[in-house]
Each structure stands twice: as structure tokens, then as C-alpha cells.
């Protein structure tokens, strides 16, 4: 994973597609880099996401989902789902082919 360049995950490359996805699914989209830091987003923050953000609360399920997506190899599932206390976070790894 060290060879992956965070520039590939910048707003310039993915912004339009991620904005469309967020609008259609009505989900908040956040892109994490290989160091698990936010690279882009939040795009289309939902009221629940905004509440967490305003309170400075970062549920561990966000970080866990990000770690699972970043750890995925070539034989990876299409999505990663992490749930806790009735909340769920859905993630997928971005791959350029």
C-alpha cells in the first residue's frame, strides 16, 4: 500500500462521480487516504453525520470501515459493512484500472 499515491484520491479525480453517488444514495461520502486521514469530503453530509461532526464525535465504525476498505487486496468484496448500535457504515475501495 505504500506505493499508492493519495493524489489519485483527490477531489480533482473523483469529485464529480462521488458527488453524483452521494446525491443519488443520499449518503455522506468521505474519502480516506492510505494513512487513514480524510483526503476528500464530507460530500453531501447527512443530518446524522453533521450531528456527529458538530459534536466532535467520530464513531469508531467510520475508522473501522475505512481500515477494512484500505486493507482490501485484489480479491476484495464489492463493499465493506460495519455496524454498531443500530448504525451502519458502508465503504468500498477505489481502484483505477
N, C-alpha and C. Protein backbone atom coordinates (compact mmCIF):
# COMPACT_ATOMS: atom_id res chain seq x y z
N UNK A 1 0.81 -1.20 0.00
CA UNK A 1 0.00 0.00 0.00
C UNK A 1 0.85 1.26 0.00
N UNK A 2 2.12 1.13 0.35
CA UNK A 2 2.97 2.31 0.43
C UNK A 2 3.14 2.98 -0.93
N UNK A 3 2.97 2.24 -2.03
CA UNK A 3 3.14 2.80 -3.35
C UNK A 3 1.93 3.55 -3.86
N UNK A 4 0.84 3.50 -3.14
CA UNK A 4 -0.38 4.18 -3.58
C UNK A 4 -0.22 5.67 -3.33
N UNK A 5 -0.55 6.47 -4.32
CA UNK A 5 -0.41 7.91 -4.22
C UNK A 5 -1.75 8.54 -3.85
N UNK A 6 -1.77 9.30 -2.75
CA UNK A 6 -3.02 9.94 -2.32
C UNK A 6 -3.54 10.92 -3.36
N UNK A 7 -2.70 11.38 -4.29
CA UNK A 7 -3.17 12.29 -5.34
C UNK A 7 -4.25 11.63 -6.20
N UNK A 8 -4.21 10.31 -6.30
CA UNK A 8 -5.25 9.60 -7.06
C UNK A 8 -6.62 9.74 -6.42
N UNK A 9 -6.66 10.07 -5.14
CA UNK A 9 -7.92 10.18 -4.43
C UNK A 9 -8.33 11.63 -4.19
N UNK A 10 -7.71 12.55 -4.89
CA UNK A 10 -8.01 13.96 -4.70
C UNK A 10 -9.37 14.32 -5.31
N UNK A 11 -9.87 15.48 -4.92
CA UNK A 11 -11.15 15.96 -5.45
C UNK A 11 -11.14 16.06 -6.97
N UNK A 12 -10.02 16.41 -7.54
CA UNK A 12 -9.93 16.62 -8.99
C UNK A 12 -10.32 15.35 -9.74
N UNK A 13 -9.86 14.20 -9.26
CA UNK A 13 -10.09 12.94 -9.95
C UNK A 13 -11.49 12.39 -9.71
N UNK A 14 -11.97 12.45 -8.48
CA UNK A 14 -13.19 11.74 -8.10
C UNK A 14 -14.39 12.62 -7.78
N UNK A 15 -14.23 13.93 -7.65
CA UNK A 15 -15.27 14.81 -7.11
C UNK A 15 -16.62 14.66 -7.81
N UNK A 16 -16.65 14.72 -9.11
CA UNK A 16 -17.92 14.68 -9.84
C UNK A 16 -18.65 13.35 -9.62
N UNK A 17 -17.93 12.24 -9.74
CA UNK A 17 -18.56 10.93 -9.56
C UNK A 17 -19.03 10.73 -8.12
N UNK A 18 -18.23 11.15 -7.16
CA UNK A 18 -18.61 11.00 -5.75
C UNK A 18 -19.80 11.88 -5.40
N UNK A 19 -19.85 13.09 -5.95
CA UNK A 19 -20.98 13.98 -5.70
C UNK A 19 -22.27 13.39 -6.25
N UNK A 20 -22.21 12.81 -7.44
CA UNK A 20 -23.40 12.16 -8.02
C UNK A 20 -23.83 10.97 -7.16
N UNK A 21 -22.86 10.16 -6.75
CA UNK A 21 -23.17 8.99 -5.92
C UNK A 21 -23.82 9.43 -4.61
N UNK A 22 -23.25 10.44 -3.96
CA UNK A 22 -23.79 10.92 -2.70
C UNK A 22 -25.21 11.45 -2.86
N UNK A 23 -25.46 12.18 -3.93
CA UNK A 23 -26.79 12.74 -4.17
C UNK A 23 -27.83 11.66 -4.43
N UNK A 24 -27.46 10.67 -5.23
CA UNK A 24 -28.41 9.60 -5.58
C UNK A 24 -28.71 8.71 -4.39
N UNK A 25 -27.68 8.36 -3.62
CA UNK A 25 -27.87 7.44 -2.49
C UNK A 25 -28.28 8.14 -1.21
N UNK A 26 -28.14 9.47 -1.20
CA UNK A 26 -28.41 10.27 0.00
C UNK A 26 -27.54 9.82 1.17
N UNK A 27 -26.30 9.49 0.84
CA UNK A 27 -25.32 9.10 1.84
C UNK A 27 -24.19 10.13 1.88
N UNK A 28 -23.55 10.26 3.03
CA UNK A 28 -22.37 11.09 3.14
C UNK A 28 -21.18 10.32 2.59
N UNK A 29 -20.37 10.98 1.78
CA UNK A 29 -19.18 10.34 1.21
C UNK A 29 -17.94 11.03 1.77
N UNK A 30 -17.02 10.23 2.30
CA UNK A 30 -15.73 10.71 2.77
C UNK A 30 -14.68 9.78 2.19
N UNK A 31 -13.62 10.35 1.62
CA UNK A 31 -12.53 9.56 1.05
C UNK A 31 -11.34 9.63 2.00
N UNK A 32 -10.83 8.45 2.37
CA UNK A 32 -9.66 8.35 3.24
C UNK A 32 -8.45 7.92 2.43
N UNK A 33 -7.29 8.46 2.77
CA UNK A 33 -6.05 8.07 2.12
C UNK A 33 -5.42 6.88 2.83
N UNK A 34 -4.26 6.47 2.34
CA UNK A 34 -3.60 5.29 2.89
C UNK A 34 -3.17 5.48 4.34
N UNK A 35 -3.04 6.73 4.79
CA UNK A 35 -2.67 6.98 6.19
C UNK A 35 -3.91 7.12 7.08
N UNK A 36 -5.07 6.78 6.55
CA UNK A 36 -6.36 6.81 7.25
C UNK A 36 -6.83 8.22 7.58
N UNK A 37 -6.24 9.23 6.95
CA UNK A 37 -6.68 10.61 7.13
C UNK A 37 -7.67 10.95 6.01
N UNK A 38 -8.57 11.89 6.29
CA UNK A 38 -9.55 12.31 5.28
C UNK A 38 -8.83 13.04 4.15
N UNK A 39 -9.06 12.58 2.93
CA UNK A 39 -8.47 13.19 1.74
C UNK A 39 -9.49 14.08 1.04
N UNK A 40 -10.76 13.69 1.11
CA UNK A 40 -11.82 14.43 0.44
C UNK A 40 -13.13 14.25 1.19
N UNK A 41 -13.89 15.31 1.28
CA UNK A 41 -15.21 15.21 1.89
C UNK A 41 -15.25 15.88 3.24
N UNK A 42 -16.38 15.82 3.87
CA UNK A 42 -17.57 15.07 3.50
C UNK A 42 -18.33 15.71 2.34
N UNK A 43 -18.83 14.85 1.50
CA UNK A 43 -19.67 15.26 0.38
C UNK A 43 -21.10 14.87 0.74
N UNK A 44 -22.03 15.78 0.61
CA UNK A 44 -23.44 15.57 0.94
C UNK A 44 -23.61 15.08 2.39
N UNK A 45 -23.15 15.86 3.38
CA UNK A 45 -23.29 15.41 4.76
C UNK A 45 -24.76 15.28 5.16
N UNK A 46 -25.12 14.13 5.66
CA UNK A 46 -26.48 13.89 6.14
C UNK A 46 -26.65 14.56 7.50
N UNK A 47 -27.88 14.76 7.95
CA UNK A 47 -28.09 15.36 9.27
C UNK A 47 -27.41 14.57 10.39
N UNK A 48 -27.43 13.25 10.32
CA UNK A 48 -26.79 12.44 11.36
C UNK A 48 -25.27 12.63 11.33
N UNK A 49 -24.69 12.62 10.14
CA UNK A 49 -23.25 12.84 10.02
C UNK A 49 -22.89 14.23 10.54
N UNK A 50 -23.69 15.24 10.16
CA UNK A 50 -23.45 16.61 10.61
C UNK A 50 -23.53 16.72 12.13
N UNK A 51 -24.46 16.00 12.73
CA UNK A 51 -24.59 15.99 14.19
C UNK A 51 -23.33 15.44 14.84
N UNK A 52 -22.84 14.31 14.33
CA UNK A 52 -21.59 13.74 14.85
C UNK A 52 -20.44 14.73 14.69
N UNK A 53 -20.36 15.35 13.52
CA UNK A 53 -19.26 16.27 13.23
C UNK A 53 -19.32 17.50 14.13
N UNK A 54 -20.52 18.05 14.32
CA UNK A 54 -20.68 19.23 15.16
C UNK A 54 -20.29 18.95 16.60
N UNK A 55 -20.62 17.75 17.06
CA UNK A 55 -20.30 17.37 18.44
C UNK A 55 -18.84 16.93 18.59
N UNK A 56 -18.12 16.84 17.48
CA UNK A 56 -16.74 16.38 17.54
C UNK A 56 -16.62 14.89 17.81
N UNK A 57 -17.71 14.17 17.56
CA UNK A 57 -17.74 12.73 17.83
C UNK A 57 -17.41 11.97 16.56
N UNK A 58 -16.44 11.10 16.63
CA UNK A 58 -16.03 10.28 15.49
C UNK A 58 -16.26 8.82 15.86
N UNK A 59 -17.43 8.27 15.51
CA UNK A 59 -17.67 6.87 15.86
C UNK A 59 -16.60 5.96 15.27
N UNK A 60 -16.20 4.97 16.06
CA UNK A 60 -15.16 4.05 15.62
C UNK A 60 -15.56 3.29 14.37
N UNK A 61 -16.87 3.21 14.10
CA UNK A 61 -17.28 2.44 12.92
C UNK A 61 -16.81 3.11 11.63
N UNK A 62 -16.65 4.46 11.62
CA UNK A 62 -16.12 5.13 10.43
C UNK A 62 -14.68 4.69 10.19
N UNK A 63 -13.87 4.74 11.23
CA UNK A 63 -12.45 4.37 11.11
C UNK A 63 -12.30 2.89 10.77
N UNK A 64 -13.11 2.04 11.38
CA UNK A 64 -13.03 0.60 11.11
C UNK A 64 -13.39 0.30 9.66
N UNK A 65 -14.41 0.94 9.16
CA UNK A 65 -14.80 0.74 7.76
C UNK A 65 -13.69 1.21 6.83
N UNK A 66 -13.11 2.35 7.13
CA UNK A 66 -12.00 2.86 6.32
C UNK A 66 -10.82 1.91 6.32
N UNK A 67 -10.47 1.37 7.48
CA UNK A 67 -9.36 0.41 7.56
C UNK A 67 -9.65 -0.83 6.74
N UNK A 68 -10.87 -1.33 6.82
CA UNK A 68 -11.23 -2.53 6.04
C UNK A 68 -11.11 -2.28 4.54
N UNK A 69 -11.57 -1.12 4.11
CA UNK A 69 -11.50 -0.79 2.68
C UNK A 69 -10.06 -0.65 2.22
N UNK A 70 -9.23 0.01 3.02
CA UNK A 70 -7.83 0.20 2.66
C UNK A 70 -7.05 -1.10 2.67
N UNK A 71 -7.47 -2.06 3.48
CA UNK A 71 -6.76 -3.33 3.59
C UNK A 71 -7.14 -4.32 2.50
N UNK A 72 -8.17 -4.02 1.74
CA UNK A 72 -8.64 -4.96 0.73
C UNK A 72 -7.60 -5.15 -0.36
N UNK A 73 -7.43 -6.39 -0.78
CA UNK A 73 -6.49 -6.73 -1.85
C UNK A 73 -7.26 -6.90 -3.16
N UNK A 74 -6.65 -7.54 -4.13
CA UNK A 74 -7.30 -7.73 -5.43
C UNK A 74 -8.58 -8.54 -5.33
N UNK A 75 -8.60 -9.57 -4.51
CA UNK A 75 -9.81 -10.38 -4.32
C UNK A 75 -10.61 -9.79 -3.16
N UNK A 76 -11.26 -8.69 -3.41
CA UNK A 76 -11.97 -7.99 -2.34
C UNK A 76 -13.47 -8.01 -2.59
N UNK A 77 -14.24 -7.93 -1.53
CA UNK A 77 -15.68 -7.80 -1.73
C UNK A 77 -15.99 -6.41 -2.30
N UNK A 78 -17.14 -6.29 -2.92
CA UNK A 78 -17.52 -5.01 -3.52
C UNK A 78 -17.66 -3.91 -2.48
N UNK A 79 -18.16 -4.28 -1.30
CA UNK A 79 -18.35 -3.29 -0.25
C UNK A 79 -17.89 -3.86 1.08
N UNK A 80 -17.70 -2.96 2.02
CA UNK A 80 -17.39 -3.33 3.39
C UNK A 80 -18.49 -2.72 4.25
N UNK A 81 -19.05 -3.48 5.15
CA UNK A 81 -20.14 -3.01 6.00
C UNK A 81 -19.74 -3.20 7.45
N UNK A 82 -19.84 -2.13 8.23
CA UNK A 82 -19.55 -2.18 9.65
C UNK A 82 -20.77 -1.63 10.36
N UNK A 83 -21.29 -2.36 11.34
CA UNK A 83 -22.46 -1.87 12.07
C UNK A 83 -22.21 -1.94 13.57
N UNK A 84 -22.86 -1.03 14.27
CA UNK A 84 -22.74 -0.97 15.72
C UNK A 84 -23.89 -0.13 16.27
N UNK A 85 -24.55 -0.62 17.30
CA UNK A 85 -25.62 0.11 17.97
C UNK A 85 -26.71 0.61 17.02
N UNK A 86 -27.04 -0.17 16.02
CA UNK A 86 -28.11 0.20 15.10
C UNK A 86 -27.69 1.14 13.98
N UNK A 87 -26.43 1.53 13.94
CA UNK A 87 -25.91 2.37 12.86
C UNK A 87 -25.04 1.50 11.96
N UNK A 88 -24.95 1.87 10.70
CA UNK A 88 -24.10 1.12 9.77
C UNK A 88 -23.31 2.09 8.90
N UNK A 89 -22.10 1.68 8.57
CA UNK A 89 -21.25 2.43 7.66
C UNK A 89 -20.92 1.51 6.51
N UNK A 90 -21.07 2.00 5.29
CA UNK A 90 -20.80 1.21 4.10
C UNK A 90 -19.60 1.84 3.40
N UNK A 91 -18.66 1.00 2.98
CA UNK A 91 -17.48 1.53 2.31
C UNK A 91 -17.07 0.65 1.15
N UNK A 92 -16.27 1.21 0.28
CA UNK A 92 -15.69 0.45 -0.83
C UNK A 92 -14.33 1.06 -1.14
N UNK A 93 -13.45 0.24 -1.66
CA UNK A 93 -12.14 0.78 -2.05
C UNK A 93 -12.24 1.31 -3.47
N UNK A 94 -11.52 2.38 -3.73
CA UNK A 94 -11.48 2.97 -5.07
C UNK A 94 -10.26 2.42 -5.78
N UNK A 95 -10.45 1.94 -7.00
CA UNK A 95 -9.36 1.35 -7.76
C UNK A 95 -9.38 1.92 -9.18
N UNK A 96 -8.24 2.35 -9.64
CA UNK A 96 -8.11 2.78 -11.04
C UNK A 96 -7.63 1.59 -11.85
N UNK A 97 -8.31 1.29 -12.93
CA UNK A 97 -7.91 0.15 -13.77
C UNK A 97 -7.45 0.64 -15.11
